[in-house]
C-alpha atoms as a PDB file:
ATOM      1  CA  MET A   1       0.000   0.000   0.000  1.00  0.00           C
ATOM      2  CA  VAL A   2       2.845   2.372   0.824  1.00  0.00           C
ATOM      3  CA  ARG A   3       4.454   1.742  -2.558  1.00  0.00           C
ATOM      4  CA  ILE A   4       1.152   2.324  -4.326  1.00  0.00           C
ATOM      5  CA  GLY A   5       0.669   5.575  -2.449  1.00  0.00           C
ATOM      6  CA  VAL A   6       4.178   6.764  -3.242  1.00  0.00           C
ATOM      7  CA  GLY A   7       3.693   5.793  -6.874  1.00  0.00           C
ATOM      8  CA  LEU A   8       0.476   7.778  -7.122  1.00  0.00           C
ATOM      9  CA  VAL A   9       2.105  10.847  -5.585  1.00  0.00           C
ATOM     10  CA  VAL A  10       5.062  10.624  -7.989  1.00  0.00           C
ATOM     11  CA  ALA A  11       2.722  10.174 -10.968  1.00  0.00           C
ATOM     12  CA  LEU A  12       0.632  13.155  -9.876  1.00  0.00           C
ATOM     13  CA  CYS A  13       3.687  15.382  -9.440  1.00  0.00           C
ATOM     14  CA  GLY A  14       4.967  14.319 -12.858  1.00  0.00           C
ATOM     15  CA  HIS A  15       1.583  15.027 -14.457  1.00  0.00           C
ATOM     16  CA  ILE A  16       1.334  18.480 -12.878  1.00  0.00           C
ATOM     17  CA  ALA A  17       4.915  19.313 -13.916  1.00  0.00           C
ATOM     18  CA  LEU A  18       4.403  18.118 -17.508  1.00  0.00           C
ATOM     19  CA  PHE A  19       1.182  20.000 -18.116  1.00  0.00           C
ATOM     20  CA  SER A  20       2.443  23.173 -16.530  1.00  0.00           C
ATOM     21  CA  VAL A  21       3.926  23.775 -19.997  1.00  0.00           C
ATOM     22  CA  ALA A  22       2.428  21.183 -22.377  1.00  0.00           C
ATOM     23  CA  PRO A  23      -1.125  21.154 -23.805  1.00  0.00           C
ATOM     24  CA  VAL A  24      -3.517  18.707 -22.120  1.00  0.00           C
ATOM     25  CA  PRO A  25      -4.545  16.160 -24.799  1.00  0.00           C
ATOM     26  CA  VAL A  26      -7.536  14.511 -23.090  1.00  0.00           C
ATOM     27  CA  THR A  27      -9.393  14.414 -19.776  1.00  0.00           C
ATOM     28  CA  PRO A  28     -11.536  11.774 -18.012  1.00  0.00           C
ATOM     29  CA  LEU A  29     -14.716  13.705 -18.893  1.00  0.00           C
ATOM     30  CA  MET A  30     -13.846  13.692 -22.594  1.00  0.00           C
ATOM     31  CA  VAL A  31     -13.407   9.922 -22.525  1.00  0.00           C
ATOM     32  CA  LEU A  32     -16.671   9.486 -20.632  1.00  0.00           C
ATOM     33  CA  ARG A  33     -18.574  11.645 -23.106  1.00  0.00           C
ATOM     34  CA  LEU A  34     -17.164   9.622 -26.011  1.00  0.00           C
ATOM     35  CA  THR A  35     -18.541   6.427 -24.455  1.00  0.00           C
ATOM     36  CA  GLU A  36     -21.918   8.188 -24.176  1.00  0.00           C
ATOM     37  CA  GLY A  37     -21.970   8.917 -27.899  1.00  0.00           C
ATOM     38  CA  HIS A  38     -20.858  12.554 -27.933  1.00  0.00           C
ATOM     39  CA  GLY A  39     -18.325  13.770 -30.460  1.00  0.00           C
ATOM     40  CA  PHE A  40     -14.858  15.185 -29.863  1.00  0.00           C
ATOM     41  CA  ALA A  41     -13.869  18.667 -31.004  1.00  0.00           C
ATOM     42  CA  LYS A  42     -10.895  20.300 -29.297  1.00  0.00           C
ATOM     43  CA  ASP A  43      -8.222  22.712 -30.441  1.00  0.00           C
ATOM     44  CA  TRP A  44      -5.649  23.992 -27.952  1.00  0.00           C
ATOM     45  CA  VAL A  45      -4.695  27.669 -28.045  1.00  0.00           C
ATOM     46  CA  SER A  46      -2.573  29.759 -25.697  1.00  0.00           C
ATOM     47  CA  ILE A  47      -4.208  32.398 -23.525  1.00  0.00           C
ATOM     48  CA  GLU A  48      -2.625  35.037 -25.774  1.00  0.00           C
ATOM     49  CA  GLN A  49      -4.670  33.571 -28.658  1.00  0.00           C
ATOM     50  CA  MET A  50      -7.962  34.025 -26.785  1.00  0.00           C
ATOM     51  CA  SER A  51     -10.073  37.127 -26.484  1.00  0.00           C
ATOM     52  CA  PRO A  52      -9.159  38.610 -23.078  1.00  0.00           C
ATOM     53  CA  HIS A  53     -12.875  38.979 -22.439  1.00  0.00           C
ATOM     54  CA  LEU A  54     -13.097  35.198 -21.923  1.00  0.00           C
ATOM     55  CA  ALA A  55     -10.958  34.940 -18.781  1.00  0.00           C
ATOM     56  CA  ARG A  56     -12.584  38.056 -17.338  1.00  0.00           C
ATOM     57  CA  ALA A  57     -16.055  36.643 -17.992  1.00  0.00           C
ATOM     58  CA  VAL A  58     -15.105  33.378 -16.255  1.00  0.00           C
ATOM     59  CA  ILE A  59     -13.983  35.259 -13.141  1.00  0.00           C
ATOM     60  CA  ALA A  60     -17.153  37.369 -13.155  1.00  0.00           C
ATOM     61  CA  ALA A  61     -19.452  34.371 -13.584  1.00  0.00           C
ATOM     62  CA  GLU A  62     -17.689  31.551 -11.776  1.00  0.00           C
ATOM     63  CA  ASP A  63     -15.090  32.755  -9.294  1.00  0.00           C
ATOM     64  CA  ASN A  64     -14.888  36.446  -8.330  1.00  0.00           C
ATOM     65  CA  ARG A  65     -11.840  35.931  -6.083  1.00  0.00           C
ATOM     66  CA  PHE A  66      -9.859  33.726  -8.465  1.00  0.00           C
ATOM     67  CA  CYS A  67      -6.873  36.092  -8.452  1.00  0.00           C
ATOM     68  CA  GLU A  68      -6.779  36.257  -4.637  1.00  0.00           C
ATOM     69  CA  HIS A  69      -7.517  32.827  -3.166  1.00  0.00           C
ATOM     70  CA  ASN A  70      -5.168  29.841  -2.960  1.00  0.00           C
ATOM     71  CA  GLY A  71      -7.514  27.408  -4.687  1.00  0.00           C
ATOM     72  CA  VAL A  72     -10.430  27.367  -2.235  1.00  0.00           C
ATOM     73  CA  ASP A  73     -12.601  30.430  -1.672  1.00  0.00           C
ATOM     74  CA  TRP A  74     -13.439  29.933   1.994  1.00  0.00           C
ATOM     75  CA  SER A  75     -15.715  32.988   2.077  1.00  0.00           C
ATOM     76  CA  ALA A  76     -17.843  31.390  -0.670  1.00  0.00           C
ATOM     77  CA  VAL A  77     -17.885  28.146   1.320  1.00  0.00           C
ATOM     78  CA  GLY A  78     -19.204  30.117   4.297  1.00  0.00           C
ATOM     79  CA  ASP A  79     -21.951  31.590   2.095  1.00  0.00           C
ATOM     80  CA  VAL A  80     -22.977  28.102   0.983  1.00  0.00           C
ATOM     81  CA  VAL A  81     -23.182  26.868   4.579  1.00  0.00           C
ATOM     82  CA  SER A  82     -25.273  29.898   5.560  1.00  0.00           C
ATOM     83  CA  GLU A  83     -27.638  29.357   2.612  1.00  0.00           C
ATOM     84  CA  TYR A  84     -28.060  25.703   3.529  1.00  0.00           C
ATOM     85  CA  ARG A  85     -28.899  26.567   7.132  1.00  0.00           C
ATOM     86  CA  GLU A  86     -31.396  29.263   6.137  1.00  0.00           C
ATOM     87  CA  ASP A  87     -33.040  27.834   3.026  1.00  0.00           C
ATOM     88  CA  GLY A  88     -32.091  24.147   3.057  1.00  0.00           C
ATOM     89  CA  ARG A  89     -30.622  24.571  -0.431  1.00  0.00           C
ATOM     90  CA  LEU A  90     -27.157  23.185  -1.150  1.00  0.00           C
ATOM     91  CA  ARG A  91     -25.098  24.537  -4.045  1.00  0.00           C
ATOM     92  CA  GLY A  92     -21.480  24.132  -5.033  1.00  0.00           C
ATOM     93  CA  ALA A  93     -18.651  26.503  -4.128  1.00  0.00           C
ATOM     94  CA  SER A  94     -16.089  25.311  -6.651  1.00  0.00           C
ATOM     95  CA  THR A  95     -13.466  27.794  -7.775  1.00  0.00           C
ATOM     96  CA  VAL A  96     -11.946  27.834 -11.257  1.00  0.00           C
ATOM     97  CA  SER A  97      -8.894  26.081  -9.794  1.00  0.00           C
ATOM     98  CA  MET A  98     -11.079  23.340  -8.296  1.00  0.00           C
ATOM     99  CA  GLN A  99     -12.965  22.901 -11.556  1.00  0.00           C
ATOM    100  CA  THR A 100      -9.641  22.580 -13.377  1.00  0.00           C
ATOM    101  CA  VAL A 101      -8.578  19.839 -10.955  1.00  0.00           C
ATOM    102  CA  LYS A 102     -11.908  18.065 -11.402  1.00  0.00           C
ATOM    103  CA  ASN A 103     -11.633  18.192 -15.200  1.00  0.00           C
ATOM    104  CA  LEU A 104      -8.017  17.015 -15.167  1.00  0.00           C
ATOM    105  CA  TYR A 105      -8.185  14.161 -12.657  1.00  0.00           C
ATOM    106  CA  LEU A 106     -11.667  13.361 -11.390  1.00  0.00           C
ATOM    107  CA  TRP A 107     -15.130  12.282 -12.476  1.00  0.00           C
ATOM    108  CA  PRO A 108     -18.284  14.399 -12.877  1.00  0.00           C
ATOM    109  CA  GLY A 109     -21.005  14.301 -10.262  1.00  0.00           C
ATOM    110  CA  ARG A 110     -21.222  15.297  -6.620  1.00  0.00           C
ATOM    111  CA  SER A 111     -19.916  13.302  -3.692  1.00  0.00           C
ATOM    112  CA  VAL A 112     -18.136  14.054  -0.444  1.00  0.00           C
ATOM    113  CA  ILE A 113     -15.231  11.777  -1.434  1.00  0.00           C
ATOM    114  CA  ARG A 114     -14.688  13.493  -4.774  1.00  0.00           C
ATOM    115  CA  LYS A 115     -14.914  16.943  -3.201  1.00  0.00           C
ATOM    116  CA  GLY A 116     -12.378  15.977  -0.526  1.00  0.00           C
ATOM    117  CA  ILE A 117      -9.894  14.760  -3.153  1.00  0.00           C
ATOM    118  CA  GLU A 118     -10.533  17.916  -5.173  1.00  0.00           C
ATOM    119  CA  VAL A 119      -9.732  20.188  -2.227  1.00  0.00           C
ATOM    120  CA  GLY A 120      -6.537  18.251  -1.542  1.00  0.00           C
ATOM    121  CA  LEU A 121      -5.308  18.344  -5.139  1.00  0.00           C
ATOM    122  CA  VAL A 122      -6.116  21.991  -5.763  1.00  0.00           C
ATOM    123  CA  HIS A 123      -3.431  23.162  -3.340  1.00  0.00           C
ATOM    124  CA  ALA A 124      -0.796  21.179  -5.244  1.00  0.00           C
ATOM    125  CA  LEU A 125      -1.979  22.701  -8.520  1.00  0.00           C
ATOM    126  CA  GLU A 126      -1.954  26.239  -7.128  1.00  0.00           C
ATOM    127  CA  ALA A 127       1.569  25.752  -5.762  1.00  0.00           C
ATOM    128  CA  ALA A 128       2.918  24.514  -9.111  1.00  0.00           C
ATOM    129  CA  TRP A 129       1.044  26.642 -11.661  1.00  0.00           C
ATOM    130  CA  SER A 130       0.531  30.351 -12.086  1.00  0.00           C
ATOM    131  CA  LYS A 131      -2.994  31.766 -12.070  1.00  0.00           C
ATOM    132  CA  GLU A 132      -2.672  32.530 -15.768  1.00  0.00           C
ATOM    133  CA  ARG A 133      -1.717  28.910 -16.512  1.00  0.00           C
ATOM    134  CA  ILE A 134      -4.656  27.576 -14.496  1.00  0.00           C
ATOM    135  CA  MET A 135      -7.018  29.818 -16.445  1.00  0.00           C
ATOM    136  CA  GLU A 136      -5.397  28.852 -19.748  1.00  0.00           C
ATOM    137  CA  VAL A 137      -5.832  25.125 -19.078  1.00  0.00           C
ATOM    138  CA  TYR A 138      -9.370  25.605 -17.772  1.00  0.00           C
ATOM    139  CA  LEU A 139     -10.429  27.494 -20.902  1.00  0.00           C
ATOM    140  CA  ASN A 140      -8.900  24.795 -23.105  1.00  0.00           C
ATOM    141  CA  ILE A 141     -10.531  21.748 -21.463  1.00  0.00           C
ATOM    142  CA  ALA A 142     -13.909  23.065 -20.265  1.00  0.00           C
ATOM    143  CA  GLU A 143     -16.937  21.382 -21.811  1.00  0.00           C
ATOM    144  CA  LEU A 144     -18.789  23.996 -23.904  1.00  0.00           C
ATOM    145  CA  GLY A 145     -21.260  21.925 -25.880  1.00  0.00           C
ATOM    146  CA  SER A 146     -21.932  18.339 -26.893  1.00  0.00           C
ATOM    147  CA  GLY A 147     -18.486  16.968 -27.697  1.00  0.00           C
ATOM    148  CA  VAL A 148     -17.031  20.484 -27.751  1.00  0.00           C
ATOM    149  CA  TYR A 149     -14.087  21.255 -25.449  1.00  0.00           C
ATOM    150  CA  GLY A 150     -12.166  24.477 -25.004  1.00  0.00           C
ATOM    151  CA  VAL A 151     -12.926  27.995 -26.155  1.00  0.00           C
ATOM    152  CA  GLN A 152     -11.327  27.666 -29.601  1.00  0.00           C
ATOM    153  CA  ALA A 153     -13.495  24.712 -30.649  1.00  0.00           C
ATOM    154  CA  ALA A 154     -16.510  26.351 -28.979  1.00  0.00           C
ATOM    155  CA  ALA A 155     -15.971  29.685 -30.747  1.00  0.00           C
ATOM    156  CA  GLN A 156     -15.816  27.909 -34.097  1.00  0.00           C
ATOM    157  CA  HIS A 157     -18.806  25.694 -33.281  1.00  0.00           C
ATOM    158  CA  HIS A 158     -21.138  28.387 -31.932  1.00  0.00           C
ATOM    159  CA  PHE A 159     -19.960  31.585 -33.658  1.00  0.00           C
ATOM    160  CA  GLY A 160     -17.910  30.487 -36.670  1.00  0.00           C
ATOM    161  CA  ARG A 161     -14.832  32.435 -35.591  1.00  0.00           C
ATOM    162  CA  ASP A 162     -11.625  32.003 -33.603  1.00  0.00           C
ATOM    163  CA  ALA A 163     -11.538  32.452 -29.836  1.00  0.00           C
ATOM    164  CA  ALA A 164      -9.301  35.497 -30.336  1.00  0.00           C
ATOM    165  CA  ASP A 165     -12.071  37.269 -32.258  1.00  0.00           C
ATOM    166  CA  LEU A 166     -14.927  36.877 -29.775  1.00  0.00           C
ATOM    167  CA  THR A 167     -16.539  40.123 -28.650  1.00  0.00           C
ATOM    168  CA  ALA A 168     -17.290  40.938 -25.027  1.00  0.00           C
ATOM    169  CA  ALA A 169     -20.934  39.840 -25.375  1.00  0.00           C
ATOM    170  CA  GLN A 170     -20.040  36.630 -27.202  1.00  0.00           C
ATOM    171  CA  SER A 171     -17.459  35.779 -24.529  1.00  0.00           C
ATOM    172  CA  ALA A 172     -20.002  36.373 -21.767  1.00  0.00           C
ATOM    173  CA  ALA A 173     -22.615  34.283 -23.595  1.00  0.00           C
ATOM    174  CA  LEU A 174     -20.180  31.401 -24.040  1.00  0.00           C
ATOM    175  CA  VAL A 175     -19.158  31.463 -20.381  1.00  0.00           C
ATOM    176  CA  SER A 176     -22.799  31.645 -19.248  1.00  0.00           C
ATOM    177  CA  ILE A 177     -23.471  28.087 -20.482  1.00  0.00           C
ATOM    178  CA  LEU A 178     -20.781  26.535 -18.266  1.00  0.00           C
ATOM    179  CA  PRO A 179     -23.168  25.301 -15.532  1.00  0.00           C
ATOM    180  CA  ALA A 180     -25.113  23.327 -18.153  1.00  0.00           C
ATOM    181  CA  PRO A 181     -23.171  23.215 -21.453  1.00  0.00           C
ATOM    182  CA  LEU A 182     -25.203  20.301 -22.838  1.00  0.00           C
ATOM    183  CA  HIS A 183     -28.502  22.121 -22.336  1.00  0.00           C
ATOM    184  CA  ARG A 184     -27.727  25.780 -23.098  1.00  0.00           C
ATOM    185  CA  ASP A 185     -26.982  27.544 -26.363  1.00  0.00           C
ATOM    186  CA  PRO A 186     -24.881  30.743 -26.227  1.00  0.00           C
ATOM    187  CA  THR A 187     -26.477  31.992 -29.464  1.00  0.00           C
ATOM    188  CA  ALA A 188     -30.060  31.625 -28.183  1.00  0.00           C
ATOM    189  CA  GLN A 189     -32.087  34.826 -28.552  1.00  0.00           C
ATOM    190  CA  THR A 190     -33.866  34.534 -25.201  1.00  0.00           C
ATOM    191  CA  SER A 191     -34.481  36.923 -22.324  1.00  0.00           C
ATOM    192  CA  SER A 192     -32.757  34.570 -19.865  1.00  0.00           C
ATOM    193  CA  MET A 193     -29.599  34.475 -21.984  1.00  0.00           C
ATOM    194  CA  GLY A 194     -29.716  38.249 -22.324  1.00  0.00           C
ATOM    195  CA  ARG A 195     -29.949  38.636 -18.545  1.00  0.00           C
ATOM    196  CA  ARG A 196     -27.012  36.303 -17.956  1.00  0.00           C
ATOM    197  CA  VAL A 197     -24.852  38.119 -20.518  1.00  0.00           C
ATOM    198  CA  GLY A 198     -25.732  41.530 -19.094  1.00  0.00           C
ATOM    199  CA  ARG A 199     -25.096  40.398 -15.519  1.00  0.00           C
ATOM    200  CA  ILE A 200     -21.651  39.015 -16.361  1.00  0.00           C
ATOM    201  CA  ARG A 201     -20.619  42.154 -18.253  1.00  0.00           C
ATOM    202  CA  ARG A 202     -21.709  44.456 -15.449  1.00  0.00           C
ATOM    203  CA  SER A 203     -19.898  42.335 -12.902  1.00  0.00           C
ATOM    204  CA  ILE A 204     -16.688  42.570 -14.951  1.00  0.00           C
ATOM    205  CA  ARG A 205     -16.829  46.362 -14.708  1.00  0.00           C
ATOM    206  CA  ASN A 206     -17.223  46.208 -10.944  1.00  0.00           C
ATOM    207  CA  LEU A 207     -14.464  43.690 -10.186  1.00  0.00           C
ATOM    208  CA  GLY A 208     -11.564  46.075 -10.867  1.00  0.00           C
ATOM    209  CA  PRO A 209      -8.331  44.792  -9.255  1.00  0.00           C
ATOM    210  CA  LEU A 210      -9.851  41.326  -8.836  1.00  0.00           C
ATOM    211  CA  LEU A 211      -9.112  40.838 -12.547  1.00  0.00           C
ATOM    212  CA  ALA A 212      -5.423  41.685 -12.232  1.00  0.00           C
ATOM    213  CA  CYS A 213      -4.097  38.145 -12.820  1.00  0.00           C
ATOM    214  CA  VAL A 214      -5.592  37.731 -16.316  1.00  0.00           C
ATOM    215  CA  PRO A 215      -4.922  39.644 -19.554  1.00  0.00           C
ATOM    216  CA  ALA A 216      -6.736  42.946 -20.006  1.00  0.00           C
ATOM    217  CA  PRO A 217      -8.471  43.955 -23.248  1.00  0.00           C
ATOM    218  CA  GLN A 218      -6.822  46.440 -25.571  1.00  0.00           C
ATOM    219  CA  ASN A 219      -7.388  50.139 -24.858  1.00  0.00           C
ATOM    220  CA  GLY A 220      -8.214  49.337 -21.239  1.00  0.00           C
ATOM    221  CA  GLY A 221     -11.596  47.809 -22.010  1.00  0.00           C
ATOM    222  CA  ALA A 222     -12.560  47.705 -25.663  1.00  0.00           C
ATOM    223  CA  TRP A 223     -11.544  44.616 -27.604  1.00  0.00           C
ATOM    224  CA  THR A 224     -11.244  44.944 -31.384  1.00  0.00           C
ATOM    225  CA  PRO A 225     -11.651  41.672 -33.340  1.00  0.00           C
ATOM    226  CA  LYS A 226      -8.439  41.093 -35.265  1.00  0.00           C
ATOM    227  CA  LEU A 227     -10.070  40.654 -38.678  1.00  0.00           C
ATOM    228  CA  GLN A 228     -12.199  43.813 -38.571  1.00  0.00           C
ATOM    229  CA  ALA A 229     -10.990  47.349 -39.180  1.00  0.00           C
ATOM    230  CA  PRO A 230     -12.103  49.851 -36.542  1.00  0.00           C
ATOM    231  CA  SER A 231     -14.941  52.068 -37.728  1.00  0.00           C
ATOM    232  CA  LYS A 232     -14.435  54.647 -35.024  1.00  0.00           C
ATOM    233  CA  LYS A 233     -11.563  55.739 -32.820  1.00  0.00           C
ATOM    234  CA  VAL A 234     -12.028  54.505 -29.265  1.00  0.00           C
ATOM    235  CA  ASP A 235     -11.832  57.019 -26.428  1.00  0.00           C
ATOM    236  CA  PRO A 236     -10.340  55.198 -23.376  1.00  0.00           C
ATOM    237  CA  SER A 237     -12.400  57.425 -21.087  1.00  0.00           C
ATOM    238  CA  THR A 238     -15.569  55.764 -22.397  1.00  0.00           C
ATOM    239  CA  SER A 239     -14.246  52.206 -22.382  1.00  0.00           C
ATOM    240  CA  ALA A 240     -16.693  51.090 -19.680  1.00  0.00           C
ATOM    241  CA  SER A 241     -19.454  51.102 -22.329  1.00  0.00           C
ATOM    242  CA  PRO A 242     -19.493  49.084 -25.564  1.00  0.00           C
ATOM    243  CA  THR A 243     -17.908  50.905 -28.496  1.00  0.00           C
ATOM    244  CA  ALA A 244     -19.805  51.671 -31.691  1.00  0.00           C
ATOM    245  CA  GLU A 245     -17.771  48.996 -33.428  1.00  0.00           C
ATOM    246  CA  GLU A 246     -18.510  46.374 -30.799  1.00  0.00           C
ATOM    247  CA  THR A 247     -22.231  47.193 -30.819  1.00  0.00           C
ATOM    248  CA  ALA A 248     -22.360  46.892 -34.604  1.00  0.00           C
ATOM    249  CA  THR A 249     -20.468  43.608 -34.542  1.00  0.00           C
ATOM    250  CA  GLU A 250     -22.722  42.118 -31.897  1.00  0.00           C
ATOM    251  CA  SER A 251     -25.930  43.201 -33.637  1.00  0.00           C
ATOM    252  CA  ALA A 252     -24.763  41.605 -36.863  1.00  0.00           C
ATOM    253  CA  ASP A 253     -23.564  38.417 -35.224  1.00  0.00           C
ATOM    254  CA  PRO A 254     -25.271  38.137 -31.792  1.00  0.00           C
ATOM    255  CA  PRO A 255     -25.403  36.649 -28.879  1.00  0.00           C
ATOM    256  CA  PRO A 256     -28.248  38.474 -27.251  1.00  0.00           C
ATOM    257  CA  VAL A 257     -27.926  41.400 -24.894  1.00  0.00           C
ATOM    258  CA  GLU A 258     -30.456  43.052 -22.695  1.00  0.00           C
ATOM    259  CA  SER A 259     -32.380  46.137 -23.745  1.00  0.00           C
ATOM    260  CA  GLY A 260     -30.120  49.163 -24.024  1.00  0.00           C
ATOM    261  CA  ALA A 261     -26.353  49.075 -24.252  1.00  0.00           C
ATOM    262  CA  ASP A 262     -25.998  47.168 -21.025  1.00  0.00           C
ATOM    263  CA  GLY A 263     -29.523  46.427 -19.839  1.00  0.00           C
ATOM    264  CA  PRO A 264     -30.735  47.655 -16.458  1.00  0.00           C
ATOM    265  CA  ASN A 265     -28.970  50.357 -14.474  1.00  0.00           C
ATOM    266  CA  PRO A 266     -25.665  48.910 -13.175  1.00  0.00           C
ATOM    267  CA  SER A 267     -26.359  50.508  -9.779  1.00  0.00           C
ATOM    268  CA  ALA A 268     -28.981  47.792  -9.273  1.00  0.00           C
ATOM    269  CA  PHE A 269     -26.178  45.235  -9.230  1.00  0.00           C
ATOM    270  CA  PRO A 270     -23.396  44.610  -6.703  1.00  0.00           C
ATOM    271  CA  THR A 271     -20.626  47.143  -6.589  1.00  0.00           C
ATOM    272  CA  HIS A 272     -17.957  44.535  -5.956  1.00  0.00           C
ATOM    273  CA  SER A 273     -19.033  40.945  -6.707  1.00  0.00           C
ATOM    274  CA  LEU A 274     -21.967  38.680  -7.437  1.00  0.00           C
ATOM    275  CA  THR A 275     -21.553  37.190  -3.959  1.00  0.00           C
ATOM    276  CA  GLU A 276     -22.779  40.458  -2.438  1.00  0.00           C
ATOM    277  CA  GLN A 277     -25.901  40.276  -4.593  1.00  0.00           C
ATOM    278  CA  LYS A 278     -26.679  36.818  -3.169  1.00  0.00           C
ATOM    279  CA  GLN A 279     -26.121  38.091   0.367  1.00  0.00           C
ATOM    280  CA  ARG A 280     -28.591  40.919  -0.223  1.00  0.00           C
ATOM    281  CA  ARG A 281     -31.192  38.471  -1.487  1.00  0.00           C
ATOM    282  CA  ARG A 282     -30.814  36.337   1.640  1.00  0.00           C
ATOM    283  CA  LYS A 283     -31.230  39.438   3.858  1.00  0.00           C
ATOM    284  CA  LYS A 284     -34.464  40.307   2.026  1.00  0.00           C
ATOM    285  CA  LYS A 285     -35.751  36.772   2.592  1.00  0.00           C
ATOM    286  CA  ARG A 286     -34.981  37.000   6.307  1.00  0.00           C
ATOM    287  CA  ARG A 287     -36.815  40.340   6.576  1.00  0.00           C
ATOM    288  CA  LYS A 288     -39.875  38.855   4.849  1.00  0.00           C
ATOM    289  CA  LYS A 289     -39.894  35.909   7.280  1.00  0.00           C
ATOM    290  CA  ARG A 290     -39.829  38.279  10.266  1.00  0.00           C
ATOM    291  CA  LYS A 291     -42.847  40.120   8.908  1.00  0.00           C
END
C-alpha cells in the first residue's frame, strides 16, 4: 500500500509538472462523453490567442476571487453553509482552480469523497502553476457543448470564428453556459440568456483589481476583433461602455444582450461581486420571514 501511495504521488507530481507547460490532450470527462456517444472537437490555443474577455467573464461568472484565493474560496464556502442553514438549499462553491482539478483528474457528479480529493489536489496545482496557466488550461478543457471542449473549438462551433475574435458579449454568452453546457446555447435569442450576458458584463466592470491576474483587453476595455478594421476611434475614457464597433459587430452576429447598451442600471447590481448580490437576497428573505 505504501508503494502504491508513493507511486500515485510521484505520478501526480509528474503530471502536474508536464502540463504546466504542455497542452492537455484529453481528460476523463472527454473519454466518458465519447462512451456516451458525444463527439470530440478540441483545439488547444494559448491564452494570448484568446479574447481577453473570456478569462474576465469566467472570473465574473464563476469565481470572483480567483486572483486572490489559494484554490479554495473559503468565504464562498461560508456563504454556501449559511444558505443551507437558512433555506435548506445546497449549491457548489467550486473555484476555477477546483474545476480545473476536477476536469483534469476526477469524475463528474457530486460526492463528499470526490470533493475531498478535489480540495486536496487543488493546493498542489496552485503551488505549481501560475494563475494565468490555471485559467489557460481551464479554458482549453472546459466542456462547452456536446463533444465540444475548449474555447477555440466552442468559438468555431457556436460563432464560426476564432476564440481570439470573440466580442465581449459573445465571450459572456459562451461562459454563461458553463453550468449546463449540454442544455444551453450561447447563441439563443432569449431573455434569460440576455440577462445572464448583461449580468456578467456588469460584474466585470465592478471587479476592478480582482481581474489583475488575467490579460486585459486592448485600450483598457474595448476589444477589437483582429479581422475587422475599426470604424471609429475609441476614447479610453468611455471604455466602460461598448464601443460603436462592438455594438455593430454584436448586432450583426449576436449573442443576445439586454435592452439598451448594457440592460438595467448597473447601480442595481453589486458594486464589488456577485456574492454580495446573493447576500442581499438572503437578507431580504430573512426580513420577509420576520414580517
